[in-house]
PDB file of N, CA and C in Angstrom:
ATOM      1  N   PRO A   1       0.811  -1.222   0.000  1.00  0.00           N
ATOM      2  CA  PRO A   1       0.000   0.000   0.000  1.00  0.00           C
ATOM      3  C   PRO A   1       0.844   1.272   0.000  1.00  0.00           C
ATOM      4  N   ILE A   2       1.975   1.248   0.671  1.00  0.00           N
ATOM      5  CA  ILE A   2       2.804   2.453   0.751  1.00  0.00           C
ATOM      6  C   ILE A   2       3.442   2.751  -0.596  1.00  0.00           C
ATOM      7  N   VAL A   3       3.969   1.727  -1.248  1.00  0.00           N
ATOM      8  CA  VAL A   3       4.610   1.920  -2.549  1.00  0.00           C
ATOM      9  C   VAL A   3       3.582   2.344  -3.586  1.00  0.00           C
ATOM     10  N   GLY A   4       2.403   1.738  -3.553  1.00  0.00           N
ATOM     11  CA  GLY A   4       1.347   2.094  -4.504  1.00  0.00           C
ATOM     12  C   GLY A   4       0.911   3.538  -4.353  1.00  0.00           C
ATOM     13  N   ALA A   5       0.763   3.992  -3.112  1.00  0.00           N
ATOM     14  CA  ALA A   5       0.380   5.384  -2.874  1.00  0.00           C
ATOM     15  C   ALA A   5       1.469   6.334  -3.362  1.00  0.00           C
ATOM     16  N   PHE A   6       2.716   5.964  -3.136  1.00  0.00           N
ATOM     17  CA  PHE A   6       3.833   6.786  -3.595  1.00  0.00           C
ATOM     18  C   PHE A   6       3.851   6.873  -5.121  1.00  0.00           C
ATOM     19  N   LEU A   7       3.693   5.734  -5.790  1.00  0.00           N
ATOM     20  CA  LEU A   7       3.700   5.726  -7.256  1.00  0.00           C
ATOM     21  C   LEU A   7       2.513   6.503  -7.825  1.00  0.00           C
ATOM     22  N   ALA A   8       1.336   6.307  -7.244  1.00  0.00           N
ATOM     23  CA  ALA A   8       0.155   7.033  -7.719  1.00  0.00           C
ATOM     24  C   ALA A   8       0.330   8.535  -7.510  1.00  0.00           C
ATOM     25  N   GLY A   9       0.892   8.926  -6.376  1.00  0.00           N
ATOM     26  CA  GLY A   9       1.144  10.335  -6.122  1.00  0.00           C
ATOM     27  C   GLY A   9       2.149  10.923  -7.086  1.00  0.00           C
ATOM     28  N   THR A  10       3.176  10.155  -7.397  1.00  0.00           N
ATOM     29  CA  THR A  10       4.180  10.609  -8.362  1.00  0.00           C
ATOM     30  C   THR A  10       3.554  10.833  -9.731  1.00  0.00           C
ATOM     31  N   VAL A  11       2.732   9.892 -10.170  1.00  0.00           N
ATOM     32  CA  VAL A  11       2.056  10.028 -11.464  1.00  0.00           C
ATOM     33  C   VAL A  11       1.136  11.243 -11.456  1.00  0.00           C
ATOM     34  N   ALA A  12       0.386  11.435 -10.372  1.00  0.00           N
ATOM     35  CA  ALA A  12      -0.527  12.577 -10.292  1.00  0.00           C
ATOM     36  C   ALA A  12       0.228  13.902 -10.374  1.00  0.00           C
ATOM     37  N   VAL A  13       1.354  13.996  -9.674  1.00  0.00           N
ATOM     38  CA  VAL A  13       2.155  15.224  -9.714  1.00  0.00           C
ATOM     39  C   VAL A  13       2.723  15.447 -11.114  1.00  0.00           C
ATOM     40  N   LEU A  14       3.209  14.396 -11.750  1.00  0.00           N
ATOM     41  CA  LEU A  14       3.761  14.532 -13.104  1.00  0.00           C
ATOM     42  C   LEU A  14       2.689  14.930 -14.116  1.00  0.00           C
ATOM     43  N   VAL A  15       1.500  14.359 -13.997  1.00  0.00           N
ATOM     44  CA  VAL A  15       0.400  14.732 -14.900  1.00  0.00           C
ATOM     45  C   VAL A  15       0.019  16.191 -14.681  1.00  0.00           C
ATOM     46  N   ALA A  16      -0.081  16.614 -13.418  1.00  0.00           N
ATOM     47  CA  ALA A  16      -0.409  18.010 -13.128  1.00  0.00           C
ATOM     48  C   ALA A  16       0.674  18.938 -13.663  1.00  0.00           C
ATOM     49  N   LEU A  17       1.921  18.543 -13.546  1.00  0.00           N
ATOM     50  CA  LEU A  17       3.028  19.351 -14.058  1.00  0.00           C
ATOM     51  C   LEU A  17       2.958  19.466 -15.574  1.00  0.00           C
ATOM     52  N   ALA A  18       2.699  18.358 -16.244  1.00  0.00           N
ATOM     53  CA  ALA A  18       2.665  18.353 -17.713  1.00  0.00           C
ATOM     54  C   ALA A  18       1.464  19.103 -18.271  1.00  0.00           C
ATOM     55  N   THR A  19       0.337  19.050 -17.581  1.00  0.00           N
ATOM     56  CA  THR A  19      -0.878  19.661 -18.131  1.00  0.00           C
ATOM     57  C   THR A  19      -1.123  21.082 -17.645  1.00  0.00           C
ATOM     58  N   ASN A  20      -0.765  21.376 -16.399  1.00  0.00           N
ATOM     59  CA  ASN A  20      -1.122  22.685 -15.833  1.00  0.00           C
ATOM     60  C   ASN A  20       0.051  23.468 -15.263  1.00  0.00           C
ATOM     61  N   GLY A  21       1.248  22.930 -15.323  1.00  0.00           N
ATOM     62  CA  GLY A  21       2.415  23.678 -14.877  1.00  0.00           C
ATOM     63  C   GLY A  21       2.816  23.396 -13.447  1.00  0.00           C
ATOM     64  N   PRO A  22       3.883  24.078 -13.009  1.00  0.00           N
ATOM     65  CA  PRO A  22       4.447  23.803 -11.688  1.00  0.00           C
ATOM     66  C   PRO A  22       3.536  24.180 -10.521  1.00  0.00           C
ATOM     67  N   GLY A  23       2.721  25.202 -10.675  1.00  0.00           N
ATOM     68  CA  GLY A  23       1.814  25.590  -9.590  1.00  0.00           C
ATOM     69  C   GLY A  23       0.816  24.492  -9.278  1.00  0.00           C
ATOM     70  N   ALA A  24       0.238  23.918 -10.318  1.00  0.00           N
ATOM     71  CA  ALA A  24      -0.719  22.826 -10.128  1.00  0.00           C
ATOM     72  C   ALA A  24      -0.018  21.595  -9.564  1.00  0.00           C
ATOM     73  N   ALA A  25       1.190  21.325 -10.040  1.00  0.00           N
ATOM     74  CA  ALA A  25       1.937  20.172  -9.532  1.00  0.00           C
ATOM     75  C   ALA A  25       2.235  20.334  -8.045  1.00  0.00           C
ATOM     76  N   LEU A  26       2.594  21.540  -7.632  1.00  0.00           N
ATOM     77  CA  LEU A  26       2.851  21.805  -6.220  1.00  0.00           C
ATOM     78  C   LEU A  26       1.577  21.638  -5.396  1.00  0.00           C
ATOM     79  N   ALA A  27       0.455  22.134  -5.921  1.00  0.00           N
ATOM     80  CA  ALA A  27      -0.824  21.992  -5.221  1.00  0.00           C
ATOM     81  C   ALA A  27      -1.198  20.519  -5.060  1.00  0.00           C
ATOM     82  N   VAL A  28      -1.004  19.737  -6.116  1.00  0.00           N
ATOM     83  CA  VAL A  28      -1.304  18.301  -6.049  1.00  0.00           C
ATOM     84  C   VAL A  28      -0.377  17.619  -5.046  1.00  0.00           C
ATOM     85  N   LEU A  29       0.893  17.975  -5.056  1.00  0.00           N
ATOM     86  CA  LEU A  29       1.846  17.400  -4.112  1.00  0.00           C
ATOM     87  C   LEU A  29       1.442  17.702  -2.672  1.00  0.00           C
ATOM     88  N   ILE A  30       1.071  18.941  -2.397  1.00  0.00           N
ATOM     89  CA  ILE A  30       0.649  19.326  -1.045  1.00  0.00           C
ATOM     90  C   ILE A  30      -0.595  18.552  -0.638  1.00  0.00           C
ATOM     91  N   LEU A  31      -1.560  18.438  -1.539  1.00  0.00           N
ATOM     92  CA  LEU A  31      -2.785  17.691  -1.243  1.00  0.00           C
ATOM     93  C   LEU A  31      -2.471  16.227  -0.933  1.00  0.00           C
ATOM     94  N   ILE A  32      -1.616  15.623  -1.727  1.00  0.00           N
ATOM     95  CA  ILE A  32      -1.248  14.218  -1.510  1.00  0.00           C
ATOM     96  C   ILE A  32      -0.562  14.052  -0.158  1.00  0.00           C
ATOM     97  N   LEU A  33       0.347  14.958   0.178  1.00  0.00           N
ATOM     98  CA  LEU A  33       1.044  14.870   1.461  1.00  0.00           C
ATOM     99  C   LEU A  33       0.086  15.030   2.633  1.00  0.00           C
ATOM    100  N   VAL A  34      -0.865  15.954   2.523  1.00  0.00           N
ATOM    101  CA  VAL A  34      -1.846  16.153   3.592  1.00  0.00           C
ATOM    102  C   VAL A  34      -2.700  14.903   3.769  1.00  0.00           C
ATOM    103  N   VAL A  35      -3.186  14.348   2.663  1.00  0.00           N
ATOM    104  CA  VAL A  35      -4.023  13.144   2.735  1.00  0.00           C
ATOM    105  C   VAL A  35      -3.244  11.988   3.355  1.00  0.00           C
ATOM    106  N   GLN A  36      -1.999  11.803   2.960  1.00  0.00           N
ATOM    107  CA  GLN A  36      -1.201  10.711   3.518  1.00  0.00           C
ATOM    108  C   GLN A  36      -0.931  10.912   5.007  1.00  0.00           C
ATOM    109  N   GLN A  37      -0.714  12.149   5.429  1.00  0.00           N
ATOM    110  CA  GLN A  37      -0.486  12.414   6.847  1.00  0.00           C
ATOM    111  C   GLN A  37      -1.742  12.151   7.669  1.00  0.00           C
ATOM    112  N   VAL A  38      -2.892  12.595   7.164  1.00  0.00           N
ATOM    113  CA  VAL A  38      -4.157  12.354   7.869  1.00  0.00           C
ATOM    114  C   VAL A  38      -4.410  10.854   7.983  1.00  0.00           C
ATOM    115  N   GLU A  39      -4.182  10.140   6.896  1.00  0.00           N
ATOM    116  CA  GLU A  39      -4.396   8.693   6.922  1.00  0.00           C
ATOM    117  C   GLU A  39      -3.442   8.009   7.898  1.00  0.00           C
ATOM    118  N   GLY A  40      -2.186   8.365   7.845  1.00  0.00           N
ATOM    119  CA  GLY A  40      -1.193   7.701   8.680  1.00  0.00           C
ATOM    120  C   GLY A  40      -1.264   8.049  10.154  1.00  0.00           C
ATOM    121  N   HIS A  41      -1.617   9.291  10.468  1.00  0.00           N
ATOM    122  CA  HIS A  41      -1.584   9.738  11.859  1.00  0.00           C
ATOM    123  C   HIS A  41      -2.946   9.817  12.522  1.00  0.00           C
ATOM    124  N   LEU A  42      -4.024   9.725  11.755  1.00  0.00           N
ATOM    125  CA  LEU A  42      -5.361   9.833  12.341  1.00  0.00           C
ATOM    126  C   LEU A  42      -6.201   8.600  12.050  1.00  0.00           C
ATOM    127  N   LEU A  43      -6.403   8.296  10.779  1.00  0.00           N
ATOM    128  CA  LEU A  43      -7.294   7.194  10.423  1.00  0.00           C
ATOM    129  C   LEU A  43      -6.739   5.828  10.813  1.00  0.00           C
ATOM    130  N   THR A  44      -5.484   5.578  10.531  1.00  0.00           N
ATOM    131  CA  THR A  44      -4.909   4.264  10.842  1.00  0.00           C
ATOM    132  C   THR A  44      -4.964   3.948  12.338  1.00  0.00           C
ATOM    133  N   PRO A  45      -4.549   4.857  13.234  1.00  0.00           N
ATOM    134  CA  PRO A  45      -4.670   4.535  14.663  1.00  0.00           C
ATOM    135  C   PRO A  45      -6.114   4.317  15.113  1.00  0.00           C
ATOM    136  N   ILE A  46      -7.048   5.091  14.566  1.00  0.00           N
ATOM    137  CA  ILE A  46      -8.450   4.916  14.954  1.00  0.00           C
ATOM    138  C   ILE A  46      -8.955   3.551  14.507  1.00  0.00           C
ATOM    139  N   LEU A  47      -8.696   3.185  13.254  1.00  0.00           N
ATOM    140  CA  LEU A  47      -9.177   1.903  12.741  1.00  0.00           C
ATOM    141  C   LEU A  47      -8.489   0.721  13.416  1.00  0.00           C
ATOM    142  N   LEU A  48      -7.184   0.809  13.624  1.00  0.00           N
ATOM    143  CA  LEU A  48      -6.488  -0.262  14.341  1.00  0.00           C
ATOM    144  C   LEU A  48      -6.982  -0.366  15.779  1.00  0.00           C
ATOM    145  N   GLY A  49      -7.248   0.780  16.393  1.00  0.00           N
ATOM    146  CA  GLY A  49      -7.765   0.783  17.759  1.00  0.00           C
ATOM    147  C   GLY A  49      -9.115   0.103  17.859  1.00  0.00           C
ATOM    148  N   ARG A  50      -9.984   0.368  16.905  1.00  0.00           N
ATOM    149  CA  ARG A  50     -11.297  -0.288  16.908  1.00  0.00           C
ATOM    150  C   ARG A  50     -11.164  -1.785  16.691  1.00  0.00           C
ATOM    151  N   ALA A  51     -10.285  -2.173  15.790  1.00  0.00           N
ATOM    152  CA  ALA A  51     -10.130  -3.597  15.478  1.00  0.00           C
ATOM    153  C   ALA A  51      -9.517  -4.372  16.644  1.00  0.00           C
ATOM    154  N   THR A  52      -8.676  -3.723  17.422  1.00  0.00           N
ATOM    155  CA  THR A  52      -7.969  -4.407  18.507  1.00  0.00           C
ATOM    156  C   THR A  52      -8.492  -4.038  19.888  1.00  0.00           C
ATOM    157  N   GLU A  53      -9.478  -3.162  19.955  1.00  0.00           N
ATOM    158  CA  GLU A  53     -10.044  -2.667  21.213  1.00  0.00           C
ATOM    159  C   GLU A  53      -9.004  -1.935  22.059  1.00  0.00           C
ATOM    160  N   LEU A  54      -8.097  -1.241  21.389  1.00  0.00           N
ATOM    161  CA  LEU A  54      -7.114  -0.391  22.060  1.00  0.00           C
ATOM    162  C   LEU A  54      -7.452   1.069  21.779  1.00  0.00           C
ATOM    163  N   HIS A  55      -7.086   1.943  22.695  1.00  0.00           N
ATOM    164  CA  HIS A  55      -7.249   3.376  22.469  1.00  0.00           C
ATOM    165  C   HIS A  55      -6.298   3.792  21.343  1.00  0.00           C
ATOM    166  N   PRO A  56      -6.719   4.727  20.466  1.00  0.00           N
ATOM    167  CA  PRO A  56      -5.830   5.154  19.375  1.00  0.00           C
ATOM    168  C   PRO A  56      -4.460   5.645  19.848  1.00  0.00           C
ATOM    169  N   LEU A  57      -4.400   6.295  21.008  1.00  0.00           N
ATOM    170  CA  LEU A  57      -3.090   6.726  21.518  1.00  0.00           C
ATOM    171  C   LEU A  57      -2.220   5.535  21.915  1.00  0.00           C
ATOM    172  N   ALA A  58      -2.849   4.459  22.387  1.00  0.00           N
ATOM    173  CA  ALA A  58      -2.092   3.245  22.695  1.00  0.00           C
ATOM    174  C   ALA A  58      -1.523   2.642  21.417  1.00  0.00           C
ATOM    175  N   VAL A  59      -2.287   2.716  20.334  1.00  0.00           N
ATOM    176  CA  VAL A  59      -1.804   2.221  19.040  1.00  0.00           C
ATOM    177  C   VAL A  59      -0.597   3.037  18.591  1.00  0.00           C
ATOM    178  N   ILE A  60      -0.705   4.366  18.680  1.00  0.00           N
ATOM    179  CA  ILE A  60       0.408   5.235  18.280  1.00  0.00           C
ATOM    180  C   ILE A  60       1.636   4.962  19.149  1.00  0.00           C
ATOM    181  N   ALA A  61       1.429   4.837  20.464  1.00  0.00           N
ATOM    182  CA  ALA A  61       2.552   4.570  21.368  1.00  0.00           C
ATOM    183  C   ALA A  61       3.195   3.222  21.062  1.00  0.00           C
ATOM    184  N   ALA A  62       2.371   2.207  20.802  1.00  0.00           N
ATOM    185  CA  ALA A  62       2.911   0.882  20.487  1.00  0.00           C
ATOM    186  C   ALA A  62       3.706   0.913  19.187  1.00  0.00           C
ATOM    187  N   LEU A  63       3.160   1.567  18.164  1.00  0.00           N
ATOM    188  CA  LEU A  63       3.868   1.663  16.887  1.00  0.00           C
ATOM    189  C   LEU A  63       5.193   2.404  17.038  1.00  0.00           C
ATOM    190  N   THR A  64       5.168   3.490  17.792  1.00  0.00           N
ATOM    191  CA  THR A  64       6.386   4.276  17.998  1.00  0.00           C
ATOM    192  C   THR A  64       7.438   3.472  18.759  1.00  0.00           C
ATOM    193  N   ALA A  65       7.026   2.856  19.862  1.00  0.00           N
ATOM    194  CA  ALA A  65       7.974   2.075  20.661  1.00  0.00           C
ATOM    195  C   ALA A  65       8.507   0.885  19.871  1.00  0.00           C
ATOM    196  N   GLY A  66       7.626   0.190  19.190  1.00  0.00           N
ATOM    197  CA  GLY A  66       8.064  -0.955  18.391  1.00  0.00           C
ATOM    198  C   GLY A  66       9.028  -0.550  17.298  1.00  0.00           C
ATOM    199  N   GLY A  67       8.738   0.571  16.645  1.00  0.00           N
ATOM    200  CA  GLY A  67       9.618   1.060  15.591  1.00  0.00           C
ATOM    201  C   GLY A  67      10.974   1.484  16.104  1.00  0.00           C
ATOM    202  N   ILE A  68      10.986   2.142  17.259  1.00  0.00           N
ATOM    203  CA  ILE A  68      12.259   2.577  17.844  1.00  0.00           C
ATOM    204  C   ILE A  68      13.087   1.377  18.297  1.00  0.00           C
ATOM    205  N   LEU A  69      12.438   0.416  18.936  1.00  0.00           N
ATOM    206  CA  LEU A  69      13.173  -0.719  19.500  1.00  0.00           C
ATOM    207  C   LEU A  69      13.627  -1.735  18.456  1.00  0.00           C
ATOM    208  N   LEU A  70      12.746  -2.055  17.495  1.00  0.00           N
ATOM    209  CA  LEU A  70      13.064  -3.136  16.557  1.00  0.00           C
ATOM    210  C   LEU A  70      12.864  -2.765  15.097  1.00  0.00           C
ATOM    211  N   GLY A  71      12.718  -1.494  14.807  1.00  0.00           N
ATOM    212  CA  GLY A  71      12.571  -1.061  13.422  1.00  0.00           C
ATOM    213  C   GLY A  71      11.238  -1.479  12.816  1.00  0.00           C
ATOM    214  N   VAL A  72      11.260  -1.818  11.543  1.00  0.00           N
ATOM    215  CA  VAL A  72      10.036  -2.156  10.815  1.00  0.00           C
ATOM    216  C   VAL A  72       9.358  -3.380  11.426  1.00  0.00           C
ATOM    217  N   LEU A  73      10.135  -4.388  11.788  1.00  0.00           N
ATOM    218  CA  LEU A  73       9.557  -5.589  12.394  1.00  0.00           C
ATOM    219  C   LEU A  73       8.860  -5.247  13.707  1.00  0.00           C
ATOM    220  N   GLY A  74       9.472  -4.399  14.508  1.00  0.00           N
ATOM    221  CA  GLY A  74       8.865  -3.983  15.767  1.00  0.00           C
ATOM    222  C   GLY A  74       7.572  -3.225  15.561  1.00  0.00           C
ATOM    223  N   ALA A  75       7.547  -2.335  14.578  1.00  0.00           N
ATOM    224  CA  ALA A  75       6.321  -1.598  14.278  1.00  0.00           C
ATOM    225  C   ALA A  75       5.236  -2.546  13.783  1.00  0.00           C
ATOM    226  N   PHE A  76       5.636  -3.527  12.995  1.00  0.00           N
ATOM    227  CA  PHE A  76       4.681  -4.492  12.448  1.00  0.00           C
ATOM    228  C   PHE A  76       4.056  -5.355  13.547  1.00  0.00           C
ATOM    229  N   LEU A  77       4.854  -5.751  14.529  1.00  0.00           N
ATOM    230  CA  LEU A  77       4.374  -6.651  15.579  1.00  0.00           C
ATOM    231  C   LEU A  77       3.824  -5.937  16.809  1.00  0.00           C
ATOM    232  N   SER A  78       4.068  -4.649  16.941  1.00  0.00           N
ATOM    233  CA  SER A  78       3.754  -3.943  18.182  1.00  0.00           C
ATOM    234  C   SER A  78       2.269  -3.908  18.520  1.00  0.00           C
ATOM    235  N   VAL A  79       1.414  -3.630  17.559  1.00  0.00           N
ATOM    236  CA  VAL A  79      -0.018  -3.516  17.864  1.00  0.00           C
ATOM    237  C   VAL A  79      -0.616  -4.873  18.242  1.00  0.00           C
ATOM    238  N   PRO A  80      -0.368  -5.945  17.481  1.00  0.00           N
ATOM    239  CA  PRO A  80      -0.921  -7.234  17.915  1.00  0.00           C
ATOM    240  C   PRO A  80      -0.402  -7.685  19.285  1.00  0.00           C
ATOM    241  N   LEU A  81       0.878  -7.446  19.556  1.00  0.00           N
ATOM    242  CA  LEU A  81       1.422  -7.830  20.860  1.00  0.00           C
ATOM    243  C   LEU A  81       0.821  -6.994  21.984  1.00  0.00           C
ATOM    244  N   THR A  82       0.641  -5.709  21.752  1.00  0.00           N
ATOM    245  CA  THR A  82       0.030  -4.842  22.759  1.00  0.00           C
ATOM    246  C   THR A  82      -1.415  -5.240  23.006  1.00  0.00           C
ATOM    247  N   ALA A  83      -2.152  -5.531  21.946  1.00  0.00           N
ATOM    248  CA  ALA A  83      -3.547  -5.955  22.092  1.00  0.00           C
ATOM    249  C   ALA A  83      -3.628  -7.277  22.847  1.00  0.00           C
ATOM    250  N   SER A  84      -2.724  -8.197  22.553  1.00  0.00           N
ATOM    251  CA  SER A  84      -2.706  -9.486  23.255  1.00  0.00           C
ATOM    252  C   SER A  84      -2.392  -9.293  24.733  1.00  0.00           C
ATOM    253  N   ALA A  85      -1.424  -8.449  25.027  1.00  0.00           N
ATOM    254  CA  ALA A  85      -1.068  -8.182  26.420  1.00  0.00           C
ATOM    255  C   ALA A  85      -2.225  -7.516  27.163  1.00  0.00           C
ATOM    256  N   ALA A  86      -2.881  -6.569  26.529  1.00  0.00           N
ATOM    257  CA  ALA A  86      -4.017  -5.893  27.164  1.00  0.00           C
ATOM    258  C   ALA A  86      -5.148  -6.875  27.435  1.00  0.00           C
ATOM    259  N   ARG A  87      -5.392  -7.760  26.481  1.00  0.00           N
ATOM    260  CA  ARG A  87      -6.445  -8.762  26.660  1.00  0.00           C
ATOM    261  C   ARG A  87      -6.083  -9.720  27.797  1.00  0.00           C
ATOM    262  N   ALA A  88      -4.824 -10.150  27.864  1.00  0.00           N
ATOM    263  CA  ALA A  88      -4.383 -11.060  28.924  1.00  0.00           C
ATOM    264  C   ALA A  88      -4.477 -10.393  30.293  1.00  0.00           C
ATOM    265  N   ILE A  89      -4.080  -9.131  30.379  1.00  0.00           N
ATOM    266  CA  ILE A  89      -4.170  -8.407  31.649  1.00  0.00           C
ATOM    267  C   ILE A  89      -5.623  -8.260  32.072  1.00  0.00           C
ATOM    268  N   GLY A  90      -6.497  -7.936  31.128  1.00  0.00           N
ATOM    269  CA  GLY A  90      -7.921  -7.838  31.441  1.00  0.00           C
ATOM    270  C   GLY A  90      -8.491  -9.155  31.932  1.00  0.00           C
ATOM    271  N   TYR A  91      -8.082 -10.240  31.312  1.00  0.00           N
ATOM    272  CA  TYR A  91      -8.542 -11.568  31.722  1.00  0.00           C
ATOM    273  C   TYR A  91      -8.065 -11.884  33.136  1.00  0.00           C
ATOM    274  N   LEU A  92      -6.794 -11.602  33.420  1.00  0.00           N
ATOM    275  CA  LEU A  92      -6.256 -11.875  34.757  1.00  0.00           C
ATOM    276  C   LEU A  92      -6.929 -11.013  35.818  1.00  0.00           C
ATOM    277  N   ARG A  93      -7.205  -9.779  35.511  1.00  0.00           N
ATOM    278  CA  ARG A  93      -7.908  -8.904  36.463  1.00  0.00           C
ATOM    279  C   ARG A  93      -9.297  -9.451  36.763  1.00  0.00           C
ATOM    280  N   GLU A  94      -9.962  -9.915  35.717  1.00  0.00           N
ATOM    281  CA  GLU A  94     -11.303 -10.469  35.872  1.00  0.00           C
ATOM    282  C   GLU A  94     -11.274 -11.709  36.762  1.00  0.00           C
ATOM    283  N   ARG A  95     -10.302 -12.562  36.544  1.00  0.00           N
ATOM    284  CA  ARG A  95     -10.210 -13.816  37.306  1.00  0.00           C
ATOM    285  C   ARG A  95      -9.845 -13.569  38.766  1.00  0.00           C
ATOM    286  N   THR A  96      -8.988 -12.589  39.024  1.00  0.00           N
ATOM    287  CA  THR A  96      -8.550 -12.363  40.402  1.00  0.00           C
ATOM    288  C   THR A  96      -9.531 -11.522  41.208  1.00  0.00           C
ATOM    289  N   SER A  97     -10.337 -10.705  40.550  1.00  0.00           N
ATOM    290  CA  SER A  97     -11.265  -9.847  41.296  1.00  0.00           C
ATOM    291  C   SER A  97     -12.622 -10.504  41.501  1.00  0.00           C
ATOM    292  N   GLY A  98     -12.961 -11.488  40.730  1.00  0.00           N
ATOM    293  CA  GLY A  98     -14.306 -12.062  40.831  1.00  0.00           C
ATOM    294  C   GLY A  98     -14.259 -13.460  41.201  1.00  0.00           C
TER     295      GLY A  98
END
């Protein structure tokens, strides 16, 4: 998905440059960057949070920590591991309190 978005954005900027000039190409580039930032920093944490029953800030924190500690692999594994740990802690709390 990341490579496809990059390639599609590149094509869109080049088409805007060829048809409408550098001003339009810059506008398209800015729009693409804004959309990608909103998707990456707002929509993805919200959707991952809903799917894993984690707060969106927990998703962002897990992704950041995983990425810092283990790079791409850490970022890839961080949300499922955090969700599993949260579920296990919730289960243990339930068993010990009731």
